[in-house]
Amino acid sequence: MSPFWKRRGPLESINPFVRIPPQIGLGLAALGRPAYIDVGRDRDLGSDRSRAAMEARCHEVLDAAYAAGIRYFDAARSYGDAEAFLGRWLDSRRPDDVEVGSKWGYTYVGEWRMDAEVQEVKDLSAATLQRQAAESGLLLGRMPVPYQIHSATLESGVFDDRAVIRALRSLREAGWEFGFTTTGPHQIDTIARGLELQVDGESLFGSVQSTWNLLEPSVAPALDDARMRGCVVIVKEVLANGRLARPDGPLAGIATRLGVTPDRIAMAAALGQHWADVVLSGAVTIEQIQSNVAALDLQLNPDDLAELGALAEPAERYWAERAELPWS
């Protein structure tokens, strides 16, 4: 296991008065393929979405992230060429202190077209796991830690699929470390079910990655429980697919009052959650990386937090609106 995972453990096993500070990671969902669901991405990336341009942009942002102190990078088989881009960056830069996680379960089928009717296909089967685990290892040049079920839900039945569980256990015996990511309005139920699965008295999964942000904080109790059980907690979609980064968005007023950009506030709020280990940035520019990382120095007071807490939406409404966001 990597140093990052070794220094995490059940909260009851460490001094309760000493909190291990969370770190910022970089997610590559918006950097590995031409189309993604992110408000403002068309403005940030421009019109050149060729593979060469996207890889150059990805490496530029990876360089900026590393220079800013980011040491955790998050990819997935469905993020277009993200794993290939990241693998070539790792091979050329050869950093010895970074950690790389990835996911299996979706296949990218967009054929590098912005107008593709279907960009990715979900298949949480044992066959997909075995195929994509081999692909991820080859493209990244290393075993990803963690290797996560991509968007596990109760409806998918992945936690009850005996073939999948057997395959996970077999790979675990070979040294793989597993986690799962969640999505949708029932993340709490998904996490509870996932954490029930055990191997030799230990949880099958060592990490949970979930959507938490100021508009959709409903998963917090489940992430608190996962952290208490010793799981690494990774937070995704902190900017609500760009909605919380807009200059005229929900954080405009408090951003003006504090004299900072909206993204810093959204990131700082996630970094302030006691159960958070890694908070993912989805930056696609150097400026966004630098602004996101600056959130580490932003302290929100109780009045700020109370104002931000009022932004929470009903989970069902949040996810319904997210489903209507266009690929850009």
Protein backbone atom coordinates (compact mmCIF):
# COMPACT_ATOMS: atom_id res chain seq x y z
CA MET A 1 0.00 0.00 0.00
CA SER A 2 1.13 3.56 -0.72
CA PRO A 3 2.19 6.04 1.98
CA PHE A 4 -1.10 7.93 1.68
CA TRP A 5 -3.13 4.86 2.60
CA LYS A 6 -0.79 3.80 5.35
CA ARG A 7 -1.21 7.03 7.25
CA ARG A 8 -4.99 6.72 7.34
CA GLY A 9 -6.84 4.53 9.80
CA PRO A 10 -9.93 4.42 12.02
CA LEU A 11 -10.36 7.70 13.85
CA GLU A 12 -10.48 5.90 17.17
CA SER A 13 -6.91 4.66 16.57
CA ILE A 14 -5.42 8.15 16.42
CA ASN A 15 -5.34 11.10 18.79
CA PRO A 16 -8.87 12.58 18.50
CA PHE A 17 -7.46 16.05 19.11
CA VAL A 18 -5.08 15.84 16.15
CA ARG A 19 -6.68 15.92 12.73
CA ILE A 20 -4.71 14.85 9.67
CA PRO A 21 -5.24 17.75 7.26
CA PRO A 22 -7.06 16.85 4.06
CA GLN A 23 -5.32 17.26 0.74
CA ILE A 24 -6.48 18.45 -2.65
CA GLY A 25 -6.40 15.98 -5.52
CA LEU A 26 -6.91 16.53 -9.23
CA GLY A 27 -9.68 14.70 -11.08
CA LEU A 28 -9.18 14.22 -14.82
CA ALA A 29 -12.79 13.76 -15.94
CA ALA A 30 -12.80 17.10 -17.78
CA LEU A 31 -9.27 16.76 -19.19
CA GLY A 32 -9.36 13.35 -20.82
CA ARG A 33 -12.16 13.63 -23.36
CA PRO A 34 -13.64 16.36 -25.56
CA ALA A 35 -17.10 16.42 -23.93
CA TYR A 36 -17.97 16.55 -20.25
CA ILE A 37 -20.74 17.89 -18.02
CA ASP A 38 -19.27 21.10 -16.60
CA VAL A 39 -20.77 24.59 -16.70
CA GLY A 40 -18.33 27.01 -18.34
CA ARG A 41 -16.04 24.30 -19.75
CA ASP A 42 -16.61 25.49 -23.34
CA ARG A 43 -15.24 28.90 -22.37
CA ASP A 44 -12.32 27.46 -20.39
CA LEU A 45 -11.15 24.94 -23.00
CA GLY A 46 -11.96 26.69 -26.25
CA SER A 47 -12.82 24.97 -29.50
CA ASP A 48 -9.74 22.81 -30.11
CA ARG A 49 -10.65 19.44 -28.62
CA SER A 50 -8.27 17.31 -30.67
CA ARG A 51 -6.44 14.53 -28.84
CA ALA A 52 -3.14 16.39 -29.20
CA ALA A 53 -4.59 19.60 -27.78
CA MET A 54 -6.35 17.80 -24.91
CA GLU A 55 -3.21 15.87 -23.97
CA ALA A 56 -1.11 19.04 -24.03
CA ARG A 57 -3.70 20.77 -21.84
CA CYS A 58 -3.85 17.79 -19.47
CA HIS A 59 -0.06 17.72 -19.04
CA GLU A 60 0.01 21.48 -18.52
CA VAL A 61 -2.55 21.24 -15.75
CA LEU A 62 -0.83 18.19 -14.22
CA ASP A 63 2.43 20.14 -14.12
CA ALA A 64 0.70 23.09 -12.43
CA ALA A 65 -1.04 20.79 -9.97
CA TYR A 66 2.20 19.06 -9.02
CA ALA A 67 3.96 22.43 -8.62
CA ALA A 68 1.12 23.52 -6.33
CA GLY A 69 1.62 20.52 -4.07
CA ILE A 70 -1.06 18.15 -5.39
CA ARG A 71 0.01 14.53 -5.13
CA TYR A 72 -3.20 12.57 -5.77
CA PHE A 73 -4.64 12.14 -9.26
CA ASP A 74 -8.01 10.58 -10.08
CA ALA A 75 -8.91 8.98 -13.40
CA ALA A 76 -11.35 6.40 -14.82
CA ARG A 77 -11.63 4.10 -17.79
CA SER A 78 -14.53 6.20 -19.07
CA TYR A 79 -12.62 9.49 -19.01
CA GLY A 80 -11.64 9.14 -22.65
CA ASP A 81 -7.83 9.08 -22.82
CA ALA A 82 -7.29 10.36 -19.26
CA GLU A 83 -5.42 7.26 -18.12
CA ALA A 84 -3.23 7.32 -21.23
CA PHE A 85 -2.51 11.05 -20.80
CA LEU A 86 -1.70 10.55 -17.12
CA GLY A 87 0.40 7.46 -17.81
CA ARG A 88 2.55 9.32 -20.34
CA TRP A 89 2.91 12.26 -17.92
CA LEU A 90 4.06 9.90 -15.17
CA ASP A 91 6.49 8.23 -17.55
CA SER A 92 8.02 11.51 -18.70
CA ARG A 93 8.14 13.28 -15.31
CA ARG A 94 8.81 10.19 -13.15
CA PRO A 95 7.61 11.68 -9.85
CA ASP A 96 8.20 9.31 -6.94
CA ASP A 97 5.68 10.83 -4.53
CA VAL A 98 2.32 10.77 -6.33
CA GLU A 99 -0.65 8.47 -5.94
CA VAL A 100 -3.07 7.51 -8.66
CA GLY A 101 -6.61 6.21 -8.31
CA SER A 102 -8.91 5.08 -11.08
CA LYS A 103 -12.30 3.46 -11.66
CA TRP A 104 -13.92 0.65 -13.57
CA GLY A 105 -17.48 0.13 -14.74
CA TYR A 106 -18.05 2.66 -17.52
CA THR A 107 -16.71 2.45 -21.07
CA TYR A 108 -16.09 5.56 -23.14
CA VAL A 109 -17.94 5.25 -26.47
CA GLY A 110 -18.02 8.89 -27.60
CA GLU A 111 -15.50 8.30 -30.42
CA TRP A 112 -13.92 11.67 -29.59
CA ARG A 113 -17.02 13.49 -30.88
CA MET A 114 -18.73 16.36 -29.10
CA ASP A 115 -22.05 15.44 -30.73
CA ALA A 116 -22.05 11.73 -29.87
CA GLU A 117 -25.50 10.74 -28.63
CA VAL A 118 -23.94 8.46 -26.01
CA GLN A 119 -20.60 9.32 -24.40
CA GLU A 120 -20.24 6.40 -21.99
CA VAL A 121 -21.89 3.08 -21.22
CA LYS A 122 -22.24 1.63 -17.72
CA ASP A 123 -21.61 -2.08 -17.15
CA LEU A 124 -20.69 -3.14 -13.62
CA SER A 125 -20.04 -6.76 -14.49
CA ALA A 126 -17.18 -9.05 -13.51
CA ALA A 127 -16.10 -9.22 -17.16
CA THR A 128 -15.83 -5.42 -17.29
CA LEU A 129 -13.85 -5.37 -14.05
CA GLN A 130 -11.33 -7.92 -15.27
CA ARG A 131 -10.95 -6.28 -18.69
CA GLN A 132 -10.66 -2.74 -17.40
CA ALA A 133 -8.32 -3.59 -14.52
CA ALA A 134 -5.83 -4.90 -17.08
CA GLU A 135 -6.34 -1.84 -19.28
CA SER A 136 -5.89 0.61 -16.39
CA GLY A 137 -2.70 -1.04 -15.18
CA LEU A 138 -1.23 -1.00 -18.69
CA LEU A 139 -2.16 2.61 -19.48
CA LEU A 140 -1.06 4.01 -16.12
CA GLY A 141 2.07 1.90 -15.88
CA ARG A 142 1.13 0.97 -12.33
CA MET A 143 -1.60 -0.52 -10.21
CA PRO A 144 -4.10 2.25 -9.38
CA VAL A 145 -4.73 2.77 -5.67
CA PRO A 146 -7.60 2.76 -5.10
CA TYR A 147 -9.35 1.03 -7.98
CA GLN A 148 -12.99 1.99 -7.53
CA ILE A 149 -16.38 0.81 -8.68
CA HIS A 150 -17.58 3.72 -10.78
CA SER A 151 -20.89 5.14 -9.57
CA ALA A 152 -22.11 2.19 -7.55
CA THR A 153 -25.83 2.32 -6.74
CA LEU A 154 -28.21 -0.09 -5.08
CA GLU A 155 -30.16 -0.27 -8.33
CA SER A 156 -27.11 -1.51 -10.23
CA GLY A 157 -26.95 -4.64 -8.04
CA VAL A 158 -23.14 -4.56 -8.09
CA PHE A 159 -22.84 -5.28 -4.36
CA ASP A 160 -25.00 -8.38 -4.76
CA ASP A 161 -23.29 -9.72 -7.88
CA ARG A 162 -21.42 -12.83 -6.73
CA ALA A 163 -19.21 -12.90 -9.81
CA VAL A 164 -18.11 -9.32 -9.17
CA ILE A 165 -17.42 -10.00 -5.49
CA ARG A 166 -15.37 -13.09 -6.37
CA ALA A 167 -13.36 -11.10 -8.91
CA LEU A 168 -12.75 -8.30 -6.40
CA ARG A 169 -11.60 -10.78 -3.78
CA SER A 170 -9.27 -12.50 -6.24
CA LEU A 171 -7.68 -9.20 -7.29
CA ARG A 172 -7.44 -8.16 -3.67
CA GLU A 173 -5.40 -11.29 -2.96
CA ALA A 174 -3.08 -10.15 -5.77
CA GLY A 175 -2.54 -6.83 -4.00
CA TRP A 176 -5.22 -4.53 -5.43
CA GLU A 177 -6.90 -2.01 -3.12
CA PHE A 178 -10.57 -1.30 -3.82
CA GLY A 179 -13.06 1.44 -3.18
CA PHE A 180 -16.31 2.62 -4.70
CA THR A 181 -17.81 5.90 -5.82
CA THR A 182 -21.41 6.95 -5.38
CA THR A 183 -23.89 9.14 -7.19
CA GLY A 184 -27.53 10.16 -7.03
CA PRO A 185 -29.94 11.07 -4.24
CA HIS A 186 -29.48 7.79 -2.33
CA GLN A 187 -25.73 7.88 -1.71
CA ILE A 188 -26.24 7.21 2.00
CA ASP A 189 -27.93 3.86 1.33
CA THR A 190 -25.27 2.90 -1.21
CA ILE A 191 -22.44 3.56 1.23
CA ALA A 192 -24.14 1.60 3.99
CA ARG A 193 -24.55 -1.43 1.71
CA GLY A 194 -21.02 -1.23 0.34
CA LEU A 195 -19.46 -1.13 3.77
CA GLU A 196 -21.30 -4.32 4.77
CA LEU A 197 -19.16 -6.39 2.40
CA GLN A 198 -16.20 -7.98 4.15
CA VAL A 199 -13.29 -10.31 3.48
CA ASP A 200 -11.79 -12.16 6.45
CA GLY A 201 -13.53 -9.81 8.85
CA GLU A 202 -12.31 -6.65 7.09
CA SER A 203 -14.17 -4.33 4.76
CA LEU A 204 -13.72 -5.22 1.10
CA PHE A 205 -13.39 -1.51 0.36
CA GLY A 206 -10.81 0.88 1.75
CA SER A 207 -12.20 4.08 0.28
CA VAL A 208 -15.43 5.86 -0.54
CA GLN A 209 -15.69 8.65 -3.10
CA SER A 210 -18.92 10.63 -3.08
CA THR A 211 -20.51 13.83 -4.29
CA TRP A 212 -20.65 16.41 -1.54
CA ASN A 213 -21.00 20.14 -2.06
CA LEU A 214 -22.80 23.12 -0.60
CA LEU A 215 -25.86 22.45 -2.75
CA GLU A 216 -25.92 18.68 -2.07
CA PRO A 217 -24.52 17.86 1.40
CA SER A 218 -26.93 15.05 2.23
CA VAL A 219 -24.26 12.29 2.14
CA ALA A 220 -22.29 13.78 5.05
CA PRO A 221 -23.51 11.38 7.78
CA ALA A 222 -22.56 8.35 5.68
CA LEU A 223 -19.10 9.76 4.93
CA ASP A 224 -18.63 10.42 8.63
CA ASP A 225 -19.48 6.78 9.32
CA ALA A 226 -17.19 5.55 6.55
CA ARG A 227 -14.31 7.57 7.97
CA MET A 228 -14.97 6.23 11.47
CA ARG A 229 -14.72 2.72 10.02
CA GLY A 230 -11.27 3.53 8.64
CA CYS A 231 -12.13 4.27 5.01
CA VAL A 232 -10.35 7.00 3.11
CA VAL A 233 -12.99 9.56 2.11
CA ILE A 234 -12.61 11.30 -1.24
CA VAL A 235 -14.95 14.17 -2.11
CA LYS A 236 -15.94 14.82 -5.72
CA GLU A 237 -18.04 17.39 -7.59
CA VAL A 238 -17.29 20.01 -4.94
CA LEU A 239 -18.10 22.78 -7.43
CA ALA A 240 -21.37 21.11 -8.46
CA ASN A 241 -20.20 20.64 -12.07
CA GLY A 242 -19.25 24.30 -12.27
CA ARG A 243 -22.44 25.75 -10.82
CA LEU A 244 -20.66 26.91 -7.66
CA ALA A 245 -17.74 28.43 -9.57
CA ARG A 246 -19.81 30.88 -11.59
CA PRO A 247 -19.13 34.57 -10.79
CA ASP A 248 -22.91 35.13 -10.80
CA GLY A 249 -23.77 31.86 -9.07
CA PRO A 250 -24.97 30.97 -5.57
CA LEU A 251 -21.68 32.02 -3.94
CA ALA A 252 -21.41 35.43 -5.61
CA GLY A 253 -22.52 37.42 -2.57
CA ILE A 254 -20.29 35.81 0.03
CA ALA A 255 -17.39 35.75 -2.44
CA THR A 256 -17.64 39.51 -2.87
CA ARG A 257 -17.83 40.03 0.88
CA LEU A 258 -14.79 37.85 1.56
CA GLY A 259 -12.87 39.16 -1.42
CA VAL A 260 -12.20 35.71 -2.91
CA THR A 261 -13.40 33.69 -5.88
CA PRO A 262 -16.45 31.43 -5.50
CA ASP A 263 -14.48 28.24 -6.16
CA ARG A 264 -12.22 28.92 -3.17
CA ILE A 265 -15.25 29.09 -0.89
CA ALA A 266 -16.74 25.84 -2.20
CA MET A 267 -13.38 24.06 -1.89
CA ALA A 268 -12.73 25.48 1.60
CA ALA A 269 -16.14 24.29 2.78
CA ALA A 270 -15.32 20.73 1.67
CA LEU A 271 -11.82 20.85 3.12
CA GLY A 272 -13.36 21.87 6.43
CA GLN A 273 -15.38 18.66 6.76
CA HIS A 274 -13.77 16.57 9.50
CA TRP A 275 -14.28 13.33 7.58
CA ALA A 276 -12.65 14.52 4.34
CA ASP A 277 -9.26 13.05 3.35
CA VAL A 278 -9.05 14.20 -0.28
CA VAL A 279 -11.05 16.94 -1.98
CA LEU A 280 -10.90 16.70 -5.76
CA SER A 281 -10.39 19.67 -8.04
CA GLY A 282 -11.77 19.36 -11.56
CA ALA A 283 -9.65 22.22 -12.90
CA VAL A 284 -8.94 22.51 -16.63
CA THR A 285 -6.68 25.57 -16.48
CA ILE A 286 -3.58 26.56 -14.53
CA GLU A 287 -5.48 29.51 -13.06
CA GLN A 288 -8.22 27.22 -11.77
CA ILE A 289 -5.70 24.92 -10.11
CA GLN A 290 -4.02 27.83 -8.38
CA SER A 291 -7.34 29.25 -7.22
CA ASN A 292 -8.55 25.87 -5.96
CA VAL A 293 -5.34 25.24 -4.00
CA ALA A 294 -5.61 28.69 -2.43
CA ALA A 295 -8.68 27.33 -0.61
CA LEU A 296 -6.29 25.61 1.79
CA ASP A 297 -5.57 29.05 3.29
CA LEU A 298 -9.18 30.21 3.52
CA GLN A 299 -10.76 30.00 6.96
CA LEU A 300 -14.55 30.20 7.10
CA ASN A 301 -16.03 31.48 10.36
CA PRO A 302 -19.29 30.25 11.94
CA ASP A 303 -21.32 33.04 10.33
CA ASP A 304 -19.90 32.15 6.91
CA LEU A 305 -20.72 28.50 7.46
CA ALA A 306 -24.27 29.31 8.53
CA GLU A 307 -24.78 31.36 5.38
CA LEU A 308 -23.36 28.58 3.23
CA GLY A 309 -25.49 25.95 4.97
CA ALA A 310 -28.61 27.72 3.79
CA LEU A 311 -27.71 26.93 0.17
CA ALA A 312 -28.49 23.21 0.52
CA GLU A 313 -31.14 21.89 -1.84
CA PRO A 314 -33.31 18.78 -1.55
CA ALA A 315 -31.25 15.91 -2.92
CA GLU A 316 -33.87 14.84 -5.43
CA ARG A 317 -34.03 18.35 -6.90
CA TYR A 318 -30.26 18.68 -7.07
CA TRP A 319 -29.81 15.42 -8.95
CA ALA A 320 -32.72 16.15 -11.29
CA GLU A 321 -31.11 19.47 -12.24
CA ARG A 322 -27.71 17.84 -12.63
CA ALA A 323 -29.20 15.33 -15.07
CA GLU A 324 -30.31 18.22 -17.28
CA LEU A 325 -26.86 19.81 -17.53
CA PRO A 326 -25.48 19.63 -21.10
CA TRP A 327 -22.23 18.04 -22.20
CA SER A 328 -19.89 20.85 -23.21
